[in-house]
Amino acid sequence: MEAMTGPIAHEITTLLTAAFTPDHLAVINDSASHHGHAGHDGSGESHFTVEVTAAAFAGQTRLQRQRMVIAALGDIAGQRVHALAIRARAPGE
């Protein structure tokens, strides 16, 4: 996994920080490991992993947490980014 801070990574960080005030947030650019695969658009920002720990996820199922993250990202997930792996946790998990 390669950590990079291009414009989309920065936008993801900004949006998730505003939505969840996370205890931990890592936006990891996985695009380089997908070079030549479907969805790799050459932009260098097509595949990401997001690790986020926030109190807002307490009591939520994994699916609910993923939906919360996707909603916070607006048109990024599925439209501007080809793949997004989400690891959303509540504090202490």
PDB file of N, CA and C in Angstrom:
ATOM      1  N   MET A   1       0.843  -1.177   0.000  1.00  0.00           N
ATOM      2  CA  MET A   1       0.000   0.000   0.000  1.00  0.00           C
ATOM      3  C   MET A   1       0.887   1.239   0.000  1.00  0.00           C
ATOM      4  N   GLU A   2       0.482   2.208  -0.757  1.00  0.00           N
ATOM      5  CA  GLU A   2       1.263   3.413  -0.907  1.00  0.00           C
ATOM      6  C   GLU A   2       0.459   4.609  -0.428  1.00  0.00           C
ATOM      7  N   ALA A   3       1.002   5.351   0.521  1.00  0.00           N
ATOM      8  CA  ALA A   3       0.319   6.539   1.029  1.00  0.00           C
ATOM      9  C   ALA A   3       0.700   7.732   0.162  1.00  0.00           C
ATOM     10  N   MET A   4      -0.274   8.424  -0.355  1.00  0.00           N
ATOM     11  CA  MET A   4      -0.040   9.603  -1.178  1.00  0.00           C
ATOM     12  C   MET A   4      -1.090  10.646  -0.827  1.00  0.00           C
ATOM     13  N   THR A   5      -0.772  11.889  -1.070  1.00  0.00           N
ATOM     14  CA  THR A   5      -1.730  12.948  -0.785  1.00  0.00           C
ATOM     15  C   THR A   5      -1.951  13.788  -2.025  1.00  0.00           C
ATOM     16  N   GLY A   6      -2.609  13.216  -3.007  1.00  0.00           N
ATOM     17  CA  GLY A   6      -3.031  13.967  -4.169  1.00  0.00           C
ATOM     18  C   GLY A   6      -4.337  14.677  -3.856  1.00  0.00           C
ATOM     19  N   PRO A   7      -4.923  15.349  -4.849  1.00  0.00           N
ATOM     20  CA  PRO A   7      -6.139  16.121  -4.596  1.00  0.00           C
ATOM     21  C   PRO A   7      -7.335  15.278  -4.132  1.00  0.00           C
ATOM     22  N   ILE A   8      -7.493  14.082  -4.652  1.00  0.00           N
ATOM     23  CA  ILE A   8      -8.628  13.256  -4.218  1.00  0.00           C
ATOM     24  C   ILE A   8      -8.383  12.736  -2.810  1.00  0.00           C
ATOM     25  N   ALA A   9      -7.175  12.293  -2.516  1.00  0.00           N
ATOM     26  CA  ALA A   9      -6.852  11.832  -1.160  1.00  0.00           C
ATOM     27  C   ALA A   9      -7.073  12.959  -0.156  1.00  0.00           C
ATOM     28  N   HIS A  10      -6.671  14.158  -0.515  1.00  0.00           N
ATOM     29  CA  HIS A  10      -6.869  15.312   0.361  1.00  0.00           C
ATOM     30  C   HIS A  10      -8.364  15.586   0.568  1.00  0.00           C
ATOM     31  N   GLU A  11      -9.141  15.488  -0.500  1.00  0.00           N
ATOM     32  CA  GLU A  11     -10.591  15.716  -0.389  1.00  0.00           C
ATOM     33  C   GLU A  11     -11.249  14.653   0.485  1.00  0.00           C
ATOM     34  N   ILE A  12     -10.843  13.396   0.323  1.00  0.00           N
ATOM     35  CA  ILE A  12     -11.372  12.315   1.163  1.00  0.00           C
ATOM     36  C   ILE A  12     -11.076  12.613   2.631  1.00  0.00           C
ATOM     37  N   THR A  13      -9.844  13.005   2.916  1.00  0.00           N
ATOM     38  CA  THR A  13      -9.438  13.337   4.285  1.00  0.00           C
ATOM     39  C   THR A  13     -10.285  14.475   4.848  1.00  0.00           C
ATOM     40  N   THR A  14     -10.462  15.520   4.064  1.00  0.00           N
ATOM     41  CA  THR A  14     -11.240  16.681   4.504  1.00  0.00           C
ATOM     42  C   THR A  14     -12.689  16.308   4.787  1.00  0.00           C
ATOM     43  N   LEU A  15     -13.309  15.571   3.876  1.00  0.00           N
ATOM     44  CA  LEU A  15     -14.720  15.202   4.029  1.00  0.00           C
ATOM     45  C   LEU A  15     -14.944  14.292   5.236  1.00  0.00           C
ATOM     46  N   LEU A  16     -14.078  13.287   5.409  1.00  0.00           N
ATOM     47  CA  LEU A  16     -14.263  12.355   6.519  1.00  0.00           C
ATOM     48  C   LEU A  16     -13.950  13.009   7.862  1.00  0.00           C
ATOM     49  N   THR A  17     -12.998  13.912   7.876  1.00  0.00           N
ATOM     50  CA  THR A  17     -12.701  14.645   9.116  1.00  0.00           C
ATOM     51  C   THR A  17     -13.889  15.508   9.513  1.00  0.00           C
ATOM     52  N   ALA A  18     -14.486  16.182   8.547  1.00  0.00           N
ATOM     53  CA  ALA A  18     -15.647  17.033   8.829  1.00  0.00           C
ATOM     54  C   ALA A  18     -16.861  16.210   9.272  1.00  0.00           C
ATOM     55  N   ALA A  19     -17.058  15.053   8.660  1.00  0.00           N
ATOM     56  CA  ALA A  19     -18.240  14.243   8.953  1.00  0.00           C
ATOM     57  C   ALA A  19     -18.146  13.496  10.280  1.00  0.00           C
ATOM     58  N   PHE A  20     -16.954  13.033  10.651  1.00  0.00           N
ATOM     59  CA  PHE A  20     -16.847  12.111  11.781  1.00  0.00           C
ATOM     60  C   PHE A  20     -15.916  12.558  12.906  1.00  0.00           C
ATOM     61  N   THR A  21     -15.120  13.585  12.730  1.00  0.00           N
ATOM     62  CA  THR A  21     -14.118  13.979  13.712  1.00  0.00           C
ATOM     63  C   THR A  21     -13.419  12.729  14.253  1.00  0.00           C
ATOM     64  N   PRO A  22     -12.734  12.005  13.389  1.00  0.00           N
ATOM     65  CA  PRO A  22     -12.201  10.695  13.769  1.00  0.00           C
ATOM     66  C   PRO A  22     -11.046  10.752  14.759  1.00  0.00           C
ATOM     67  N   ASP A  23     -10.945   9.684  15.561  1.00  0.00           N
ATOM     68  CA  ASP A  23      -9.790   9.485  16.432  1.00  0.00           C
ATOM     69  C   ASP A  23      -8.586   9.069  15.594  1.00  0.00           C
ATOM     70  N   HIS A  24      -8.846   8.346  14.522  1.00  0.00           N
ATOM     71  CA  HIS A  24      -7.804   7.878  13.601  1.00  0.00           C
ATOM     72  C   HIS A  24      -8.362   7.943  12.185  1.00  0.00           C
ATOM     73  N   LEU A  25      -7.551   8.418  11.262  1.00  0.00           N
ATOM     74  CA  LEU A  25      -7.931   8.433   9.855  1.00  0.00           C
ATOM     75  C   LEU A  25      -6.690   8.235   9.005  1.00  0.00           C
ATOM     76  N   ALA A  26      -6.727   7.221   8.161  1.00  0.00           N
ATOM     77  CA  ALA A  26      -5.658   6.984   7.196  1.00  0.00           C
ATOM     78  C   ALA A  26      -6.300   6.815   5.831  1.00  0.00           C
ATOM     79  N   VAL A  27      -5.848   7.598   4.872  1.00  0.00           N
ATOM     80  CA  VAL A  27      -6.303   7.481   3.486  1.00  0.00           C
ATOM     81  C   VAL A  27      -5.107   6.961   2.705  1.00  0.00           C
ATOM     82  N   ILE A  28      -5.191   5.719   2.270  1.00  0.00           N
ATOM     83  CA  ILE A  28      -4.069   5.032   1.642  1.00  0.00           C
ATOM     84  C   ILE A  28      -4.352   4.866   0.153  1.00  0.00           C
ATOM     85  N   ASN A  29      -3.462   5.377  -0.651  1.00  0.00           N
ATOM     86  CA  ASN A  29      -3.608   5.281  -2.100  1.00  0.00           C
ATOM     87  C   ASN A  29      -3.031   3.947  -2.568  1.00  0.00           C
ATOM     88  N   ASP A  30      -3.900   3.065  -3.036  1.00  0.00           N
ATOM     89  CA  ASP A  30      -3.513   1.745  -3.524  1.00  0.00           C
ATOM     90  C   ASP A  30      -3.370   1.705  -5.044  1.00  0.00           C
ATOM     91  N   SER A  31      -3.469   2.829  -5.706  1.00  0.00           N
ATOM     92  CA  SER A  31      -3.542   2.881  -7.165  1.00  0.00           C
ATOM     93  C   SER A  31      -2.344   2.243  -7.855  1.00  0.00           C
ATOM     94  N   ALA A  32      -1.152   2.453  -7.335  1.00  0.00           N
ATOM     95  CA  ALA A  32       0.052   1.927  -7.986  1.00  0.00           C
ATOM     96  C   ALA A  32       0.016   0.408  -8.087  1.00  0.00           C
ATOM     97  N   SER A  33      -0.572  -0.259  -7.115  1.00  0.00           N
ATOM     98  CA  SER A  33      -0.627  -1.720  -7.151  1.00  0.00           C
ATOM     99  C   SER A  33      -1.702  -2.237  -8.104  1.00  0.00           C
ATOM    100  N   HIS A  34      -2.477  -1.345  -8.690  1.00  0.00           N
ATOM    101  CA  HIS A  34      -3.526  -1.735  -9.640  1.00  0.00           C
ATOM    102  C   HIS A  34      -3.214  -1.286 -11.063  1.00  0.00           C
ATOM    103  N   HIS A  35      -1.989  -0.846 -11.296  1.00  0.00           N
ATOM    104  CA  HIS A  35      -1.590  -0.394 -12.635  1.00  0.00           C
ATOM    105  C   HIS A  35      -1.855  -1.497 -13.656  1.00  0.00           C
ATOM    106  N   GLY A  36      -2.553  -1.139 -14.720  1.00  0.00           N
ATOM    107  CA  GLY A  36      -2.875  -2.098 -15.769  1.00  0.00           C
ATOM    108  C   GLY A  36      -4.145  -2.890 -15.529  1.00  0.00           C
ATOM    109  N   HIS A  37      -4.753  -2.742 -14.375  1.00  0.00           N
ATOM    110  CA  HIS A  37      -5.998  -3.454 -14.068  1.00  0.00           C
ATOM    111  C   HIS A  37      -7.203  -2.588 -14.419  1.00  0.00           C
ATOM    112  N   ALA A  38      -8.372  -3.208 -14.407  1.00  0.00           N
ATOM    113  CA  ALA A  38      -9.610  -2.471 -14.679  1.00  0.00           C
ATOM    114  C   ALA A  38      -9.771  -1.340 -13.688  1.00  0.00           C
ATOM    115  N   GLY A  39     -10.185  -0.208 -14.183  1.00  0.00           N
ATOM    116  CA  GLY A  39     -10.446   0.931 -13.329  1.00  0.00           C
ATOM    117  C   GLY A  39      -9.252   1.827 -13.092  1.00  0.00           C
ATOM    118  N   HIS A  40      -8.059   1.354 -13.421  1.00  0.00           N
ATOM    119  CA  HIS A  40      -6.865   2.202 -13.259  1.00  0.00           C
ATOM    120  C   HIS A  40      -6.869   3.191 -14.415  1.00  0.00           C
ATOM    121  N   ASP A  41      -7.108   4.455 -14.100  1.00  0.00           N
ATOM    122  CA  ASP A  41      -7.299   5.470 -15.136  1.00  0.00           C
ATOM    123  C   ASP A  41      -6.050   6.296 -15.432  1.00  0.00           C
ATOM    124  N   GLY A  42      -4.937   5.958 -14.800  1.00  0.00           N
ATOM    125  CA  GLY A  42      -3.706   6.701 -15.038  1.00  0.00           C
ATOM    126  C   GLY A  42      -3.575   7.970 -14.217  1.00  0.00           C
ATOM    127  N   SER A  43      -4.594   8.328 -13.455  1.00  0.00           N
ATOM    128  CA  SER A  43      -4.558   9.559 -12.655  1.00  0.00           C
ATOM    129  C   SER A  43      -3.685   9.410 -11.417  1.00  0.00           C
ATOM    130  N   GLY A  44      -3.431   8.168 -11.020  1.00  0.00           N
ATOM    131  CA  GLY A  44      -2.696   7.928  -9.790  1.00  0.00           C
ATOM    132  C   GLY A  44      -3.583   7.961  -8.564  1.00  0.00           C
ATOM    133  N   GLU A  45      -4.883   8.179  -8.758  1.00  0.00           N
ATOM    134  CA  GLU A  45      -5.831   8.219  -7.641  1.00  0.00           C
ATOM    135  C   GLU A  45      -7.126   7.499  -8.019  1.00  0.00           C
ATOM    136  N   SER A  46      -7.017   6.199  -8.251  1.00  0.00           N
ATOM    137  CA  SER A  46      -8.193   5.429  -8.655  1.00  0.00           C
ATOM    138  C   SER A  46      -8.616   4.379  -7.630  1.00  0.00           C
ATOM    139  N   HIS A  47      -7.709   3.985  -6.746  1.00  0.00           N
ATOM    140  CA  HIS A  47      -7.971   2.940  -5.761  1.00  0.00           C
ATOM    141  C   HIS A  47      -7.477   3.406  -4.391  1.00  0.00           C
ATOM    142  N   PHE A  48      -8.347   3.328  -3.381  1.00  0.00           N
ATOM    143  CA  PHE A  48      -7.982   3.765  -2.039  1.00  0.00           C
ATOM    144  C   PHE A  48      -8.460   2.792  -0.981  1.00  0.00           C
ATOM    145  N   THR A  49      -7.760   2.794   0.141  1.00  0.00           N
ATOM    146  CA  THR A  49      -8.219   2.164   1.373  1.00  0.00           C
ATOM    147  C   THR A  49      -8.370   3.284   2.394  1.00  0.00           C
ATOM    148  N   VAL A  50      -9.503   3.288   3.084  1.00  0.00           N
ATOM    149  CA  VAL A  50      -9.754   4.267   4.132  1.00  0.00           C
ATOM    150  C   VAL A  50      -9.872   3.516   5.449  1.00  0.00           C
ATOM    151  N   GLU A  51      -9.056   3.914   6.421  1.00  0.00           N
ATOM    152  CA  GLU A  51      -9.155   3.391   7.779  1.00  0.00           C
ATOM    153  C   GLU A  51      -9.615   4.536   8.655  1.00  0.00           C
ATOM    154  N   VAL A  52     -10.774   4.382   9.277  1.00  0.00           N
ATOM    155  CA  VAL A  52     -11.320   5.474  10.083  1.00  0.00           C
ATOM    156  C   VAL A  52     -11.902   4.915  11.380  1.00  0.00           C
ATOM    157  N   THR A  53     -11.524   5.544  12.485  1.00  0.00           N
ATOM    158  CA  THR A  53     -12.049   5.188  13.800  1.00  0.00           C
ATOM    159  C   THR A  53     -12.744   6.422  14.358  1.00  0.00           C
ATOM    160  N   ALA A  54     -14.034   6.264  14.673  1.00  0.00           N
ATOM    161  CA  ALA A  54     -14.811   7.409  15.164  1.00  0.00           C
ATOM    162  C   ALA A  54     -15.959   6.929  16.045  1.00  0.00           C
ATOM    163  N   ALA A  55     -16.320   7.764  16.999  1.00  0.00           N
ATOM    164  CA  ALA A  55     -17.418   7.453  17.914  1.00  0.00           C
ATOM    165  C   ALA A  55     -18.741   7.263  17.174  1.00  0.00           C
ATOM    166  N   ALA A  56     -18.896   7.906  16.036  1.00  0.00           N
ATOM    167  CA  ALA A  56     -20.141   7.803  15.261  1.00  0.00           C
ATOM    168  C   ALA A  56     -20.439   6.372  14.823  1.00  0.00           C
ATOM    169  N   PHE A  57     -19.434   5.503  14.810  1.00  0.00           N
ATOM    170  CA  PHE A  57     -19.622   4.120  14.355  1.00  0.00           C
ATOM    171  C   PHE A  57     -20.032   3.176  15.471  1.00  0.00           C
ATOM    172  N   ALA A  58     -20.036   3.631  16.706  1.00  0.00           N
ATOM    173  CA  ALA A  58     -20.426   2.783  17.836  1.00  0.00           C
ATOM    174  C   ALA A  58     -21.867   2.318  17.658  1.00  0.00           C
ATOM    175  N   GLY A  59     -22.086   1.025  17.831  1.00  0.00           N
ATOM    176  CA  GLY A  59     -23.427   0.465  17.721  1.00  0.00           C
ATOM    177  C   GLY A  59     -23.920   0.266  16.299  1.00  0.00           C
ATOM    178  N   GLN A  60     -23.100   0.573  15.307  1.00  0.00           N
ATOM    179  CA  GLN A  60     -23.498   0.417  13.902  1.00  0.00           C
ATOM    180  C   GLN A  60     -22.918  -0.883  13.343  1.00  0.00           C
ATOM    181  N   THR A  61     -23.636  -1.514  12.436  1.00  0.00           N
ATOM    182  CA  THR A  61     -23.111  -2.706  11.771  1.00  0.00           C
ATOM    183  C   THR A  61     -22.041  -2.294  10.757  1.00  0.00           C
ATOM    184  N   ARG A  62     -21.293  -3.260  10.279  1.00  0.00           N
ATOM    185  CA  ARG A  62     -20.265  -2.978   9.274  1.00  0.00           C
ATOM    186  C   ARG A  62     -20.874  -2.327   8.040  1.00  0.00           C
ATOM    187  N   LEU A  63     -22.008  -2.822   7.592  1.00  0.00           N
ATOM    188  CA  LEU A  63     -22.673  -2.263   6.417  1.00  0.00           C
ATOM    189  C   LEU A  63     -23.130  -0.825   6.678  1.00  0.00           C
ATOM    190  N   GLN A  64     -23.703  -0.577   7.841  1.00  0.00           N
ATOM    191  CA  GLN A  64     -24.126   0.788   8.179  1.00  0.00           C
ATOM    192  C   GLN A  64     -22.936   1.743   8.203  1.00  0.00           C
ATOM    193  N   ARG A  65     -21.821   1.289   8.731  1.00  0.00           N
ATOM    194  CA  ARG A  65     -20.616   2.111   8.783  1.00  0.00           C
ATOM    195  C   ARG A  65     -20.123   2.444   7.376  1.00  0.00           C
ATOM    196  N   GLN A  66     -20.109   1.437   6.511  1.00  0.00           N
ATOM    197  CA  GLN A  66     -19.667   1.673   5.132  1.00  0.00           C
ATOM    198  C   GLN A  66     -20.597   2.654   4.425  1.00  0.00           C
ATOM    199  N   ARG A  67     -21.873   2.515   4.652  1.00  0.00           N
ATOM    200  CA  ARG A  67     -22.829   3.444   4.035  1.00  0.00           C
ATOM    201  C   ARG A  67     -22.635   4.865   4.551  1.00  0.00           C
ATOM    202  N   MET A  68     -22.307   5.003   5.837  1.00  0.00           N
ATOM    203  CA  MET A  68     -22.050   6.328   6.408  1.00  0.00           C
ATOM    204  C   MET A  68     -20.837   6.979   5.741  1.00  0.00           C
ATOM    205  N   VAL A  69     -19.785   6.197   5.550  1.00  0.00           N
ATOM    206  CA  VAL A  69     -18.571   6.718   4.907  1.00  0.00           C
ATOM    207  C   VAL A  69     -18.861   7.097   3.459  1.00  0.00           C
ATOM    208  N   ILE A  70     -19.530   6.226   2.734  1.00  0.00           N
ATOM    209  CA  ILE A  70     -19.852   6.502   1.330  1.00  0.00           C
ATOM    210  C   ILE A  70     -20.713   7.755   1.212  1.00  0.00           C
ATOM    211  N   ALA A  71     -21.690   7.898   2.099  1.00  0.00           N
ATOM    212  CA  ALA A  71     -22.543   9.091   2.070  1.00  0.00           C
ATOM    213  C   ALA A  71     -21.726  10.356   2.320  1.00  0.00           C
ATOM    214  N   ALA A  72     -20.771  10.287   3.240  1.00  0.00           N
ATOM    215  CA  ALA A  72     -19.936  11.447   3.549  1.00  0.00           C
ATOM    216  C   ALA A  72     -19.044  11.840   2.371  1.00  0.00           C
ATOM    217  N   LEU A  73     -18.712  10.877   1.513  1.00  0.00           N
ATOM    218  CA  LEU A  73     -17.812  11.142   0.386  1.00  0.00           C
ATOM    219  C   LEU A  73     -18.530  11.647  -0.863  1.00  0.00           C
ATOM    220  N   GLY A  74     -19.839  11.663  -0.848  1.00  0.00           N
ATOM    221  CA  GLY A  74     -20.569  12.203  -2.003  1.00  0.00           C
ATOM    222  C   GLY A  74     -20.259  11.451  -3.286  1.00  0.00           C
ATOM    223  N   ASP A  75     -19.841  12.183  -4.330  1.00  0.00           N
ATOM    224  CA  ASP A  75     -19.633  11.558  -5.643  1.00  0.00           C
ATOM    225  C   ASP A  75     -18.254  10.918  -5.800  1.00  0.00           C
ATOM    226  N   ILE A  76     -17.448  10.893  -4.766  1.00  0.00           N
ATOM    227  CA  ILE A  76     -16.108  10.315  -4.893  1.00  0.00           C
ATOM    228  C   ILE A  76     -16.189   8.808  -5.074  1.00  0.00           C
ATOM    229  N   ALA A  77     -16.874   8.127  -4.159  1.00  0.00           N
ATOM    230  CA  ALA A  77     -16.957   6.668  -4.199  1.00  0.00           C
ATOM    231  C   ALA A  77     -17.815   6.209  -5.379  1.00  0.00           C
ATOM    232  N   GLY A  78     -17.230   5.405  -6.237  1.00  0.00           N
ATOM    233  CA  GLY A  78     -17.966   4.837  -7.358  1.00  0.00           C
ATOM    234  C   GLY A  78     -18.035   5.704  -8.589  1.00  0.00           C
ATOM    235  N   GLN A  79     -17.769   6.987  -8.471  1.00  0.00           N
ATOM    236  CA  GLN A  79     -17.809   7.867  -9.640  1.00  0.00           C
ATOM    237  C   GLN A  79     -16.423   8.419  -9.961  1.00  0.00           C
ATOM    238  N   ARG A  80     -15.770   9.009  -8.977  1.00  0.00           N
ATOM    239  CA  ARG A  80     -14.459   9.602  -9.214  1.00  0.00           C
ATOM    240  C   ARG A  80     -13.320   8.674  -8.811  1.00  0.00           C
ATOM    241  N   VAL A  81     -13.638   7.674  -8.009  1.00  0.00           N
ATOM    242  CA  VAL A  81     -12.668   6.668  -7.589  1.00  0.00           C
ATOM    243  C   VAL A  81     -13.238   5.307  -7.959  1.00  0.00           C
ATOM    244  N   HIS A  82     -12.414   4.470  -8.574  1.00  0.00           N
ATOM    245  CA  HIS A  82     -12.883   3.163  -9.029  1.00  0.00           C
ATOM    246  C   HIS A  82     -13.129   2.190  -7.878  1.00  0.00           C
ATOM    247  N   ALA A  83     -12.226   2.175  -6.894  1.00  0.00           N
ATOM    248  CA  ALA A  83     -12.348   1.216  -5.799  1.00  0.00           C
ATOM    249  C   ALA A  83     -12.019   1.889  -4.472  1.00  0.00           C
ATOM    250  N   LEU A  84     -12.824   1.566  -3.469  1.00  0.00           N
ATOM    251  CA  LEU A  84     -12.631   2.123  -2.144  1.00  0.00           C
ATOM    252  C   LEU A  84     -12.876   1.041  -1.106  1.00  0.00           C
ATOM    253  N   ALA A  85     -11.807   0.636  -0.421  1.00  0.00           N
ATOM    254  CA  ALA A  85     -11.920  -0.313   0.688  1.00  0.00           C
ATOM    255  C   ALA A  85     -12.100   0.497   1.960  1.00  0.00           C
ATOM    256  N   ILE A  86     -13.085   0.119   2.763  1.00  0.00           N
ATOM    257  CA  ILE A  86     -13.412   0.894   3.966  1.00  0.00           C
ATOM    258  C   ILE A  86     -13.237   0.013   5.196  1.00  0.00           C
ATOM    259  N   ARG A  87     -12.433   0.510   6.130  1.00  0.00           N
ATOM    260  CA  ARG A  87     -12.283  -0.140   7.441  1.00  0.00           C
ATOM    261  C   ARG A  87     -12.727   0.881   8.477  1.00  0.00           C
ATOM    262  N   ALA A  88     -13.990   0.824   8.860  1.00  0.00           N
ATOM    263  CA  ALA A  88     -14.572   1.780   9.809  1.00  0.00           C
ATOM    264  C   ALA A  88     -14.780   1.088  11.142  1.00  0.00           C
ATOM    265  N   ARG A  89     -14.240   1.707  12.186  1.00  0.00           N
ATOM    266  CA  ARG A  89     -14.326   1.132  13.519  1.00  0.00           C
ATOM    267  C   ARG A  89     -14.747   2.187  14.539  1.00  0.00           C
ATOM    268  N   ALA A  90     -15.321   1.708  15.637  1.00  0.00           N
ATOM    269  CA  ALA A  90     -15.591   2.577  16.788  1.00  0.00           C
ATOM    270  C   ALA A  90     -14.367   2.544  17.686  1.00  0.00           C
ATOM    271  N   PRO A  91     -14.149   3.570  18.499  1.00  0.00           N
ATOM    272  CA  PRO A  91     -13.010   3.565  19.406  1.00  0.00           C
ATOM    273  C   PRO A  91     -13.008   2.311  20.284  1.00  0.00           C
ATOM    274  N   GLY A  92     -11.848   1.745  20.488  1.00  0.00           N
ATOM    275  CA  GLY A  92     -11.716   0.545  21.313  1.00  0.00           C
ATOM    276  C   GLY A  92     -11.868  -0.760  20.556  1.00  0.00           C
ATOM    277  N   GLU A  93     -12.205  -0.692  19.301  1.00  0.00           N
ATOM    278  CA  GLU A  93     -12.355  -1.930  18.513  1.00  0.00           C
ATOM    279  C   GLU A  93     -11.039  -2.299  17.846  1.00  0.00           C
TER     280      GLU A  93
END
